Amino acid sequence: MNTRTPATQLRPRKTPTQPRSAETVAAIVEAAAQILETEGIAGFNTNAVAERAGVSIGSLYQYFPGKDALTVALMHRESQRFHDDAAVALTLESGEEALDYLIGASVRQQLQRPMLARLLDVEEGRPALRGETDKPGMKHLFTTIVHRAIPHHAHPDVAVADVLAIIRGMVDAAGERGESDIDGLRRRVRAAVFGYLRA
């Protein structure tokens, strides 16, 4: 049985070209985030999103063919926000500073809007949406930053994979537990990552 949703149902119907259209799309995507946060997956539907965004359902459907397309657009928005934050690490002088900043960006992504982050993590695992949120640019960013922090490591690719697993595991677990202390979690993840790299 094919559980994949056709790609045409996961992509926006059109890309806004005017500022007002772009604002409408941004309002719809933010409304989708707010509905997920307040109503959960069960209350997430296009009618609720259109009402929260203050647009007609017809206006919503001009851009998004359904709620899966809205979900994918929201995933892309959050991924871009994380990438933009994490990319600041590349401007820092030392590799250790860069990796520390990357850890902070990962923690912020999960705990600033924890309910949204947890629900999007669940949605990313759905077979229908698998592959729609692959982030090759993100993997390159992580790899570059970790390599800068461990320039003389004997097995840098293994270290990159392990560091990603440590960050993802600790941050996702903290999100599932409902933690909200961003600084506390950042310190714990930093201790785990740098402890591993210095072992």
N, C-alpha and C. Protein backbone atom coordinates (compact mmCIF):
# COMPACT_ATOMS: atom_id res chain seq x y z
N MET A 1 0.85 -1.19 0.00
CA MET A 1 0.00 0.00 0.00
C MET A 1 0.88 1.25 0.00
N ASN A 2 0.61 2.18 -0.87
CA ASN A 2 1.40 3.40 -0.96
C ASN A 2 0.85 4.45 0.00
N THR A 3 1.68 4.82 0.97
CA THR A 3 1.22 5.80 1.97
C THR A 3 1.73 7.20 1.66
N ARG A 4 2.42 7.34 0.54
CA ARG A 4 2.94 8.65 0.16
C ARG A 4 1.83 9.53 -0.38
N THR A 5 1.86 10.78 0.01
CA THR A 5 0.94 11.77 -0.54
C THR A 5 1.55 12.31 -1.82
N PRO A 6 0.75 12.45 -2.91
CA PRO A 6 1.31 13.02 -4.14
C PRO A 6 2.00 14.35 -3.87
N ALA A 7 3.15 14.55 -4.53
CA ALA A 7 3.95 15.76 -4.28
C ALA A 7 3.15 17.03 -4.51
N THR A 8 2.20 16.99 -5.48
CA THR A 8 1.42 18.20 -5.77
C THR A 8 0.56 18.61 -4.59
N GLN A 9 0.25 17.67 -3.69
CA GLN A 9 -0.57 18.00 -2.52
C GLN A 9 0.27 18.48 -1.34
N LEU A 10 1.59 18.43 -1.49
CA LEU A 10 2.47 18.85 -0.41
C LEU A 10 3.17 20.17 -0.69
N ARG A 11 3.01 20.69 -1.88
CA ARG A 11 3.68 21.92 -2.27
C ARG A 11 2.66 23.04 -2.40
N PRO A 12 3.08 24.27 -2.16
CA PRO A 12 2.15 25.40 -2.39
C PRO A 12 1.68 25.43 -3.83
N ARG A 13 0.43 25.85 -4.02
CA ARG A 13 -0.12 25.93 -5.38
C ARG A 13 0.57 27.04 -6.18
N LYS A 14 0.92 28.12 -5.49
CA LYS A 14 1.63 29.20 -6.17
C LYS A 14 2.49 29.92 -5.15
N THR A 15 3.50 30.61 -5.66
CA THR A 15 4.40 31.37 -4.82
C THR A 15 3.98 32.83 -4.87
N PRO A 16 3.81 33.46 -3.70
CA PRO A 16 3.40 34.87 -3.71
C PRO A 16 4.48 35.76 -4.32
N THR A 17 4.07 36.67 -5.16
CA THR A 17 5.02 37.57 -5.81
C THR A 17 4.89 39.00 -5.32
N GLN A 18 3.76 39.34 -4.72
CA GLN A 18 3.54 40.69 -4.21
C GLN A 18 3.69 40.69 -2.68
N PRO A 19 4.13 41.81 -2.11
CA PRO A 19 4.29 41.87 -0.65
C PRO A 19 3.02 41.49 0.11
N ARG A 20 1.87 41.95 -0.38
CA ARG A 20 0.63 41.64 0.33
C ARG A 20 0.33 40.14 0.30
N SER A 21 0.59 39.50 -0.84
CA SER A 21 0.40 38.05 -0.94
C SER A 21 1.36 37.31 -0.02
N ALA A 22 2.61 37.79 0.04
CA ALA A 22 3.59 37.16 0.92
C ALA A 22 3.16 37.29 2.38
N GLU A 23 2.59 38.44 2.73
CA GLU A 23 2.10 38.63 4.10
C GLU A 23 0.95 37.68 4.40
N THR A 24 0.08 37.47 3.42
CA THR A 24 -1.04 36.55 3.60
C THR A 24 -0.54 35.14 3.84
N VAL A 25 0.41 34.71 3.03
CA VAL A 25 0.97 33.37 3.19
C VAL A 25 1.65 33.23 4.55
N ALA A 26 2.42 34.24 4.94
CA ALA A 26 3.09 34.20 6.24
C ALA A 26 2.07 34.12 7.38
N ALA A 27 0.97 34.85 7.25
CA ALA A 27 -0.08 34.82 8.27
C ALA A 27 -0.73 33.44 8.34
N ILE A 28 -0.93 32.82 7.20
CA ILE A 28 -1.53 31.48 7.17
C ILE A 28 -0.61 30.46 7.83
N VAL A 29 0.67 30.53 7.50
CA VAL A 29 1.62 29.57 8.07
C VAL A 29 1.75 29.77 9.58
N GLU A 30 1.79 31.03 10.04
CA GLU A 30 1.85 31.28 11.48
C GLU A 30 0.56 30.83 12.16
N ALA A 31 -0.57 31.02 11.50
CA ALA A 31 -1.84 30.53 12.06
C ALA A 31 -1.80 29.02 12.20
N ALA A 32 -1.22 28.33 11.22
CA ALA A 32 -1.08 26.88 11.31
C ALA A 32 -0.26 26.50 12.54
N ALA A 33 0.82 27.25 12.80
CA ALA A 33 1.65 26.99 13.97
C ALA A 33 0.84 27.18 15.25
N GLN A 34 0.07 28.25 15.32
CA GLN A 34 -0.72 28.53 16.52
C GLN A 34 -1.81 27.49 16.75
N ILE A 35 -2.44 27.03 15.68
CA ILE A 35 -3.47 25.99 15.83
C ILE A 35 -2.84 24.70 16.34
N LEU A 36 -1.69 24.33 15.80
CA LEU A 36 -1.00 23.13 16.28
C LEU A 36 -0.66 23.27 17.76
N GLU A 37 -0.20 24.44 18.16
CA GLU A 37 0.19 24.65 19.55
C GLU A 37 -1.01 24.61 20.50
N THR A 38 -2.14 25.15 20.08
CA THR A 38 -3.28 25.27 21.00
C THR A 38 -4.26 24.11 20.89
N GLU A 39 -4.40 23.54 19.68
CA GLU A 39 -5.40 22.50 19.47
C GLU A 39 -4.80 21.12 19.22
N GLY A 40 -3.50 21.08 18.92
CA GLY A 40 -2.86 19.81 18.62
C GLY A 40 -3.23 19.30 17.23
N ILE A 41 -2.74 18.12 16.91
CA ILE A 41 -3.00 17.52 15.60
C ILE A 41 -4.49 17.33 15.38
N ALA A 42 -5.20 16.93 16.42
CA ALA A 42 -6.63 16.64 16.29
C ALA A 42 -7.43 17.87 15.85
N GLY A 43 -7.03 19.05 16.28
CA GLY A 43 -7.77 20.26 15.94
C GLY A 43 -7.20 21.02 14.75
N PHE A 44 -6.22 20.42 14.11
CA PHE A 44 -5.51 21.09 13.01
C PHE A 44 -6.22 20.80 11.69
N ASN A 45 -6.87 21.82 11.13
CA ASN A 45 -7.52 21.66 9.83
C ASN A 45 -7.52 23.02 9.12
N THR A 46 -7.80 22.99 7.84
CA THR A 46 -7.69 24.21 7.04
C THR A 46 -8.71 25.26 7.45
N ASN A 47 -9.90 24.85 7.86
CA ASN A 47 -10.90 25.83 8.30
C ASN A 47 -10.43 26.58 9.54
N ALA A 48 -9.88 25.84 10.51
CA ALA A 48 -9.40 26.47 11.74
C ALA A 48 -8.23 27.42 11.43
N VAL A 49 -7.36 27.01 10.52
CA VAL A 49 -6.21 27.84 10.17
C VAL A 49 -6.67 29.12 9.47
N ALA A 50 -7.60 28.99 8.52
CA ALA A 50 -8.10 30.16 7.80
C ALA A 50 -8.75 31.15 8.77
N GLU A 51 -9.54 30.62 9.71
CA GLU A 51 -10.20 31.50 10.68
C GLU A 51 -9.17 32.21 11.56
N ARG A 52 -8.16 31.48 12.03
CA ARG A 52 -7.13 32.09 12.87
C ARG A 52 -6.33 33.14 12.09
N ALA A 53 -6.09 32.88 10.80
CA ALA A 53 -5.31 33.81 9.98
C ALA A 53 -6.14 35.01 9.54
N GLY A 54 -7.46 34.93 9.68
CA GLY A 54 -8.32 36.03 9.24
C GLY A 54 -8.48 36.10 7.74
N VAL A 55 -8.43 34.93 7.08
CA VAL A 55 -8.62 34.88 5.64
C VAL A 55 -9.75 33.90 5.33
N SER A 56 -10.28 33.99 4.12
CA SER A 56 -11.31 33.04 3.71
C SER A 56 -10.66 31.70 3.40
N ILE A 57 -11.44 30.63 3.46
CA ILE A 57 -10.91 29.32 3.12
C ILE A 57 -10.48 29.30 1.66
N GLY A 58 -11.17 30.06 0.82
CA GLY A 58 -10.78 30.15 -0.59
C GLY A 58 -9.40 30.77 -0.75
N SER A 59 -9.11 31.79 0.05
CA SER A 59 -7.78 32.42 -0.01
C SER A 59 -6.71 31.43 0.42
N LEU A 60 -7.00 30.65 1.46
CA LEU A 60 -6.03 29.65 1.90
C LEU A 60 -5.76 28.64 0.79
N TYR A 61 -6.85 28.16 0.15
CA TYR A 61 -6.69 27.14 -0.89
C TYR A 61 -6.04 27.70 -2.16
N GLN A 62 -6.01 29.01 -2.31
CA GLN A 62 -5.25 29.58 -3.43
C GLN A 62 -3.78 29.21 -3.33
N TYR A 63 -3.31 29.06 -2.11
CA TYR A 63 -1.88 28.80 -1.89
C TYR A 63 -1.59 27.36 -1.45
N PHE A 64 -2.45 26.80 -0.64
CA PHE A 64 -2.18 25.48 -0.06
C PHE A 64 -3.32 24.52 -0.38
N PRO A 65 -3.01 23.36 -1.01
CA PRO A 65 -4.06 22.43 -1.38
C PRO A 65 -4.66 21.66 -0.20
N GLY A 66 -4.02 21.68 0.95
CA GLY A 66 -4.55 20.97 2.11
C GLY A 66 -3.65 21.13 3.32
N LYS A 67 -4.02 20.44 4.39
CA LYS A 67 -3.27 20.65 5.63
C LYS A 67 -1.88 20.04 5.58
N ASP A 68 -1.67 19.00 4.77
CA ASP A 68 -0.31 18.46 4.65
C ASP A 68 0.62 19.49 4.02
N ALA A 69 0.12 20.21 3.03
CA ALA A 69 0.94 21.27 2.41
C ALA A 69 1.24 22.37 3.42
N LEU A 70 0.28 22.67 4.28
CA LEU A 70 0.51 23.65 5.34
C LEU A 70 1.58 23.15 6.31
N THR A 71 1.49 21.88 6.66
CA THR A 71 2.46 21.30 7.58
C THR A 71 3.86 21.36 7.00
N VAL A 72 4.00 21.00 5.71
CA VAL A 72 5.31 21.03 5.06
C VAL A 72 5.84 22.47 5.01
N ALA A 73 4.96 23.43 4.70
CA ALA A 73 5.39 24.83 4.66
C ALA A 73 5.87 25.28 6.04
N LEU A 74 5.20 24.84 7.07
CA LEU A 74 5.60 25.19 8.43
C LEU A 74 6.94 24.54 8.79
N MET A 75 7.12 23.29 8.39
CA MET A 75 8.40 22.62 8.61
C MET A 75 9.53 23.37 7.91
N HIS A 76 9.27 23.80 6.67
CA HIS A 76 10.29 24.53 5.93
C HIS A 76 10.61 25.87 6.61
N ARG A 77 9.57 26.54 7.10
CA ARG A 77 9.79 27.81 7.78
C ARG A 77 10.66 27.62 9.03
N GLU A 78 10.32 26.62 9.83
CA GLU A 78 11.08 26.40 11.06
C GLU A 78 12.50 25.94 10.75
N SER A 79 12.67 25.12 9.72
CA SER A 79 14.02 24.69 9.32
C SER A 79 14.86 25.88 8.87
N GLN A 80 14.24 26.79 8.12
CA GLN A 80 14.97 27.97 7.64
C GLN A 80 15.35 28.87 8.81
N ARG A 81 14.45 29.02 9.77
CA ARG A 81 14.78 29.83 10.94
C ARG A 81 15.95 29.23 11.72
N PHE A 82 15.92 27.91 11.86
CA PHE A 82 17.02 27.25 12.56
C PHE A 82 18.32 27.40 11.78
N HIS A 83 18.26 27.20 10.48
CA HIS A 83 19.46 27.32 9.65
C HIS A 83 20.04 28.73 9.75
N ASP A 84 19.17 29.75 9.70
CA ASP A 84 19.64 31.13 9.77
C ASP A 84 20.31 31.42 11.11
N ASP A 85 19.74 30.86 12.20
CA ASP A 85 20.33 31.04 13.52
C ASP A 85 21.65 30.29 13.60
N ALA A 86 21.64 29.01 13.22
CA ALA A 86 22.84 28.18 13.33
C ALA A 86 23.98 28.70 12.47
N ALA A 87 23.64 29.31 11.33
CA ALA A 87 24.69 29.80 10.41
C ALA A 87 25.52 30.90 11.02
N VAL A 88 25.00 31.57 12.05
CA VAL A 88 25.79 32.59 12.76
C VAL A 88 27.07 31.97 13.30
N ALA A 89 27.02 30.68 13.62
CA ALA A 89 28.21 29.99 14.16
C ALA A 89 29.40 30.09 13.21
N LEU A 90 29.12 30.14 11.91
CA LEU A 90 30.21 30.19 10.93
C LEU A 90 30.99 31.50 10.99
N THR A 91 30.40 32.53 11.61
CA THR A 91 31.07 33.83 11.69
C THR A 91 31.95 33.93 12.93
N LEU A 92 31.89 32.95 13.81
CA LEU A 92 32.65 33.02 15.06
C LEU A 92 34.08 32.57 14.84
N GLU A 93 34.98 33.10 15.66
CA GLU A 93 36.41 32.94 15.39
C GLU A 93 36.90 31.53 15.61
N SER A 94 36.51 30.91 16.71
CA SER A 94 37.05 29.59 17.01
C SER A 94 36.03 28.49 16.74
N GLY A 95 36.55 27.30 16.47
CA GLY A 95 35.68 26.16 16.25
C GLY A 95 34.87 25.81 17.47
N GLU A 96 35.46 25.96 18.66
CA GLU A 96 34.73 25.65 19.89
C GLU A 96 33.57 26.62 20.09
N GLU A 97 33.81 27.90 19.84
CA GLU A 97 32.73 28.89 19.93
C GLU A 97 31.61 28.56 18.94
N ALA A 98 32.00 28.17 17.73
CA ALA A 98 31.02 27.86 16.70
C ALA A 98 30.16 26.67 17.11
N LEU A 99 30.79 25.63 17.64
CA LEU A 99 30.03 24.45 18.07
C LEU A 99 29.14 24.78 19.26
N ASP A 100 29.65 25.59 20.18
CA ASP A 100 28.84 26.01 21.32
C ASP A 100 27.60 26.78 20.84
N TYR A 101 27.78 27.64 19.84
CA TYR A 101 26.64 28.40 19.31
C TYR A 101 25.65 27.45 18.63
N LEU A 102 26.15 26.48 17.90
CA LEU A 102 25.28 25.51 17.23
C LEU A 102 24.44 24.75 18.25
N ILE A 103 25.05 24.37 19.35
CA ILE A 103 24.30 23.70 20.42
C ILE A 103 23.19 24.61 20.93
N GLY A 104 23.52 25.88 21.17
CA GLY A 104 22.51 26.83 21.64
C GLY A 104 21.37 26.99 20.65
N ALA A 105 21.70 27.04 19.35
CA ALA A 105 20.66 27.17 18.33
C ALA A 105 19.74 25.96 18.34
N SER A 106 20.31 24.78 18.52
CA SER A 106 19.51 23.55 18.56
C SER A 106 18.56 23.55 19.74
N VAL A 107 19.06 24.00 20.88
CA VAL A 107 18.22 24.05 22.08
C VAL A 107 17.11 25.10 21.91
N ARG A 108 17.47 26.26 21.39
CA ARG A 108 16.45 27.30 21.18
C ARG A 108 15.35 26.81 20.23
N GLN A 109 15.74 26.13 19.18
CA GLN A 109 14.76 25.64 18.21
C GLN A 109 13.73 24.74 18.87
N GLN A 110 14.18 23.92 19.82
CA GLN A 110 13.28 22.96 20.45
C GLN A 110 12.46 23.57 21.59
N LEU A 111 13.05 24.49 22.34
CA LEU A 111 12.39 24.94 23.57
C LEU A 111 11.73 26.31 23.48
N GLN A 112 11.99 27.11 22.45
CA GLN A 112 11.32 28.40 22.36
C GLN A 112 9.82 28.22 22.09
N ARG A 113 9.47 27.27 21.24
CA ARG A 113 8.07 26.91 21.00
C ARG A 113 7.98 25.39 21.12
N PRO A 114 8.06 24.88 22.35
CA PRO A 114 8.25 23.44 22.55
C PRO A 114 7.12 22.57 22.00
N MET A 115 5.87 23.00 22.17
CA MET A 115 4.77 22.20 21.66
C MET A 115 4.84 22.09 20.14
N LEU A 116 5.09 23.20 19.48
CA LEU A 116 5.20 23.20 18.03
C LEU A 116 6.34 22.30 17.58
N ALA A 117 7.49 22.41 18.22
CA ALA A 117 8.65 21.60 17.84
C ALA A 117 8.35 20.12 18.00
N ARG A 118 7.69 19.74 19.10
CA ARG A 118 7.39 18.32 19.31
C ARG A 118 6.42 17.80 18.27
N LEU A 119 5.38 18.57 17.97
CA LEU A 119 4.40 18.12 16.98
C LEU A 119 5.01 18.03 15.58
N LEU A 120 5.87 18.96 15.24
CA LEU A 120 6.52 18.90 13.93
C LEU A 120 7.48 17.72 13.85
N ASP A 121 8.12 17.37 14.97
CA ASP A 121 8.97 16.18 14.98
C ASP A 121 8.13 14.93 14.66
N VAL A 122 6.94 14.86 15.24
CA VAL A 122 6.04 13.73 14.98
C VAL A 122 5.62 13.71 13.52
N GLU A 123 5.23 14.88 13.01
CA GLU A 123 4.77 14.96 11.63
C GLU A 123 5.88 14.62 10.63
N GLU A 124 7.12 14.99 10.94
CA GLU A 124 8.24 14.68 10.04
C GLU A 124 8.43 13.18 9.87
N GLY A 125 8.00 12.42 10.88
CA GLY A 125 8.14 10.97 10.81
C GLY A 125 7.02 10.27 10.05
N ARG A 126 5.99 11.00 9.68
CA ARG A 126 4.88 10.38 8.94
C ARG A 126 5.34 9.94 7.56
N PRO A 127 4.98 8.73 7.14
CA PRO A 127 5.39 8.26 5.81
C PRO A 127 4.99 9.22 4.68
N ALA A 128 3.81 9.83 4.80
CA ALA A 128 3.32 10.72 3.74
C ALA A 128 4.22 11.94 3.55
N LEU A 129 4.91 12.35 4.62
CA LEU A 129 5.72 13.56 4.55
C LEU A 129 7.21 13.27 4.50
N ARG A 130 7.57 12.00 4.58
CA ARG A 130 8.99 11.65 4.60
C ARG A 130 9.68 12.11 3.32
N GLY A 131 10.81 12.71 3.47
CA GLY A 131 11.57 13.18 2.32
C GLY A 131 11.26 14.61 1.93
N GLU A 132 10.15 15.15 2.44
CA GLU A 132 9.78 16.53 2.10
C GLU A 132 10.58 17.55 2.88
N THR A 133 11.20 17.10 3.95
CA THR A 133 11.94 18.05 4.79
C THR A 133 13.41 17.69 4.88
N ASP A 134 13.91 16.93 3.92
CA ASP A 134 15.35 16.65 3.90
C ASP A 134 16.11 17.96 3.78
N LYS A 135 17.20 18.07 4.55
CA LYS A 135 17.91 19.34 4.62
C LYS A 135 19.40 19.12 4.34
N PRO A 136 19.78 18.92 3.08
CA PRO A 136 21.20 18.71 2.78
C PRO A 136 22.06 19.89 3.20
N GLY A 137 21.55 21.11 3.08
CA GLY A 137 22.30 22.28 3.51
C GLY A 137 22.55 22.28 5.00
N MET A 138 21.58 21.74 5.77
CA MET A 138 21.73 21.67 7.21
C MET A 138 22.83 20.69 7.59
N LYS A 139 22.86 19.55 6.90
CA LYS A 139 23.90 18.56 7.20
C LYS A 139 25.29 19.14 6.91
N HIS A 140 25.40 19.87 5.81
CA HIS A 140 26.69 20.49 5.47
C HIS A 140 27.09 21.51 6.54
N LEU A 141 26.12 22.27 7.03
CA LEU A 141 26.39 23.27 8.06
C LEU A 141 26.90 22.60 9.33
N PHE A 142 26.21 21.55 9.79
CA PHE A 142 26.64 20.82 10.98
C PHE A 142 28.05 20.27 10.78
N THR A 143 28.27 19.63 9.63
CA THR A 143 29.56 19.01 9.36
C THR A 143 30.69 20.04 9.38
N THR A 144 30.47 21.18 8.76
CA THR A 144 31.48 22.24 8.72
C THR A 144 31.82 22.73 10.12
N ILE A 145 30.78 22.94 10.92
CA ILE A 145 30.99 23.48 12.27
C ILE A 145 31.72 22.47 13.15
N VAL A 146 31.29 21.21 13.11
CA VAL A 146 31.94 20.20 13.95
C VAL A 146 33.38 19.98 13.50
N HIS A 147 33.62 19.94 12.20
CA HIS A 147 35.00 19.78 11.71
C HIS A 147 35.90 20.92 12.19
N ARG A 148 35.36 22.13 12.24
CA ARG A 148 36.15 23.27 12.73
C ARG A 148 36.52 23.06 14.20
N ALA A 149 35.63 22.43 14.96
CA ALA A 149 35.87 22.24 16.39
C ALA A 149 36.85 21.09 16.66
N ILE A 150 37.01 20.18 15.70
CA ILE A 150 37.87 19.01 15.90
C ILE A 150 38.82 18.83 14.71
N PRO A 151 39.65 19.81 14.42
CA PRO A 151 40.45 19.76 13.19
C PRO A 151 41.43 18.59 13.13
N HIS A 152 41.79 18.02 14.28
CA HIS A 152 42.78 16.95 14.27
C HIS A 152 42.20 15.62 14.75
N HIS A 153 40.91 15.49 14.73
CA HIS A 153 40.27 14.25 15.18
C HIS A 153 40.61 13.11 14.22
N ALA A 154 40.86 11.93 14.78
CA ALA A 154 41.26 10.78 13.95
C ALA A 154 40.14 10.31 13.03
N HIS A 155 38.90 10.44 13.47
CA HIS A 155 37.76 9.97 12.67
C HIS A 155 36.68 11.06 12.65
N PRO A 156 36.91 12.12 11.90
CA PRO A 156 35.99 13.27 11.96
C PRO A 156 34.56 12.96 11.54
N ASP A 157 34.36 12.11 10.55
CA ASP A 157 32.99 11.82 10.11
C ASP A 157 32.21 11.05 11.16
N VAL A 158 32.91 10.15 11.85
CA VAL A 158 32.26 9.43 12.96
C VAL A 158 31.92 10.42 14.07
N ALA A 159 32.85 11.33 14.35
CA ALA A 159 32.61 12.32 15.40
C ALA A 159 31.42 13.21 15.06
N VAL A 160 31.32 13.61 13.80
CA VAL A 160 30.17 14.44 13.38
C VAL A 160 28.87 13.69 13.64
N ALA A 161 28.80 12.43 13.22
CA ALA A 161 27.58 11.65 13.41
C ALA A 161 27.25 11.50 14.89
N ASP A 162 28.28 11.24 15.71
CA ASP A 162 28.05 11.09 17.15
C ASP A 162 27.58 12.39 17.79
N VAL A 163 28.22 13.50 17.42
CA VAL A 163 27.83 14.79 17.98
C VAL A 163 26.39 15.12 17.61
N LEU A 164 26.01 14.88 16.37
CA LEU A 164 24.62 15.11 15.95
C LEU A 164 23.66 14.25 16.75
N ALA A 165 24.04 12.99 16.98
CA ALA A 165 23.18 12.09 17.75
C ALA A 165 23.03 12.56 19.19
N ILE A 166 24.13 13.03 19.79
CA ILE A 166 24.07 13.53 21.16
C ILE A 166 23.14 14.74 21.24
N ILE A 167 23.36 15.70 20.34
CA ILE A 167 22.55 16.92 20.38
C ILE A 167 21.08 16.58 20.15
N ARG A 168 20.81 15.83 19.07
CA ARG A 168 19.42 15.51 18.74
C ARG A 168 18.76 14.72 19.86
N GLY A 169 19.47 13.71 20.38
CA GLY A 169 18.89 12.86 21.43
C GLY A 169 18.56 13.64 22.69
N MET A 170 19.50 14.45 23.16
CA MET A 170 19.26 15.18 24.39
C MET A 170 18.21 16.26 24.21
N VAL A 171 18.27 16.98 23.09
CA VAL A 171 17.33 18.08 22.87
C VAL A 171 15.92 17.54 22.65
N ASP A 172 15.77 16.50 21.84
CA ASP A 172 14.44 15.93 21.61
C ASP A 172 13.85 15.35 22.90
N ALA A 173 14.69 14.67 23.69
CA ALA A 173 14.21 14.09 24.94
C ALA A 173 13.75 15.18 25.91
N ALA A 174 14.51 16.28 25.96
CA ALA A 174 14.11 17.39 26.83
C ALA A 174 12.79 17.98 26.36
N GLY A 175 12.61 18.10 25.06
CA GLY A 175 11.35 18.60 24.53
C GLY A 175 10.19 17.69 24.88
N GLU A 176 10.40 16.38 24.77
CA GLU A 176 9.33 15.43 25.10
C GLU A 176 8.96 15.50 26.58
N ARG A 177 9.94 15.80 27.42
CA ARG A 177 9.67 15.93 28.86
C ARG A 177 9.02 17.26 29.21
N GLY A 178 8.96 18.17 28.25
CA GLY A 178 8.35 19.47 28.51
C GLY A 178 9.27 20.44 29.21
N GLU A 179 10.58 20.25 29.07
CA GLU A 179 11.52 21.18 29.70
C GLU A 179 11.41 22.56 29.06
N SER A 180 11.75 23.59 29.84
CA SER A 180 11.68 24.96 29.33
C SER A 180 12.92 25.78 29.64
N ASP A 181 13.87 25.21 30.37
CA ASP A 181 15.08 25.94 30.76
C ASP A 181 16.11 25.85 29.63
N ILE A 182 16.12 26.86 28.76
CA ILE A 182 17.01 26.86 27.60
C ILE A 182 18.47 26.87 28.03
N ASP A 183 18.84 27.73 28.97
CA ASP A 183 20.24 27.83 29.38
C ASP A 183 20.71 26.55 30.07
N GLY A 184 19.84 25.99 30.91
CA GLY A 184 20.21 24.76 31.60
C GLY A 184 20.45 23.61 30.63
N LEU A 185 19.56 23.46 29.66
CA LEU A 185 19.72 22.39 28.69
C LEU A 185 20.97 22.63 27.82
N ARG A 186 21.19 23.88 27.44
CA ARG A 186 22.38 24.18 26.63
C ARG A 186 23.65 23.77 27.36
N ARG A 187 23.72 24.05 28.66
CA ARG A 187 24.91 23.68 29.44
C ARG A 187 25.09 22.17 29.49
N ARG A 188 23.98 21.44 29.67
CA ARG A 188 24.07 19.98 29.74
C ARG A 188 24.51 19.38 28.40
N VAL A 189 23.93 19.88 27.31
CA VAL A 189 24.30 19.36 25.99
C VAL A 189 25.76 19.70 25.69
N ARG A 190 26.15 20.93 26.04
CA ARG A 190 27.55 21.33 25.82
C ARG A 190 28.49 20.41 26.58
N ALA A 191 28.17 20.10 27.83
CA ALA A 191 29.03 19.22 28.63
C ALA A 191 29.13 17.84 28.00
N ALA A 192 28.01 17.33 27.49
CA ALA A 192 28.02 16.01 26.88
C ALA A 192 28.83 16.00 25.59
N VAL A 193 28.63 17.01 24.74
CA VAL A 193 29.33 17.07 23.45
C VAL A 193 30.82 17.26 23.63
N PHE A 194 31.21 18.24 24.44
CA PHE A 194 32.64 18.51 24.59
C PHE A 194 33.32 17.43 25.42
N GLY A 195 32.58 16.82 26.34
CA GLY A 195 33.13 15.68 27.07
C GLY A 195 33.43 14.53 26.12
N TYR A 196 32.52 14.27 25.20
CA TYR A 196 32.74 13.22 24.20
C TYR A 196 33.94 13.55 23.32
N LEU A 197 34.03 14.79 22.84
CA LEU A 197 35.10 15.15 21.92
C LEU A 197 36.48 15.14 22.59
N ARG A 198 36.50 15.36 23.90
CA ARG A 198 37.79 15.38 24.61
C ARG A 198 38.19 14.01 25.17
N ALA A 199 37.27 13.05 25.05
CA ALA A 199 37.55 11.73 25.61
C ALA A 199 38.65 11.04 24.82
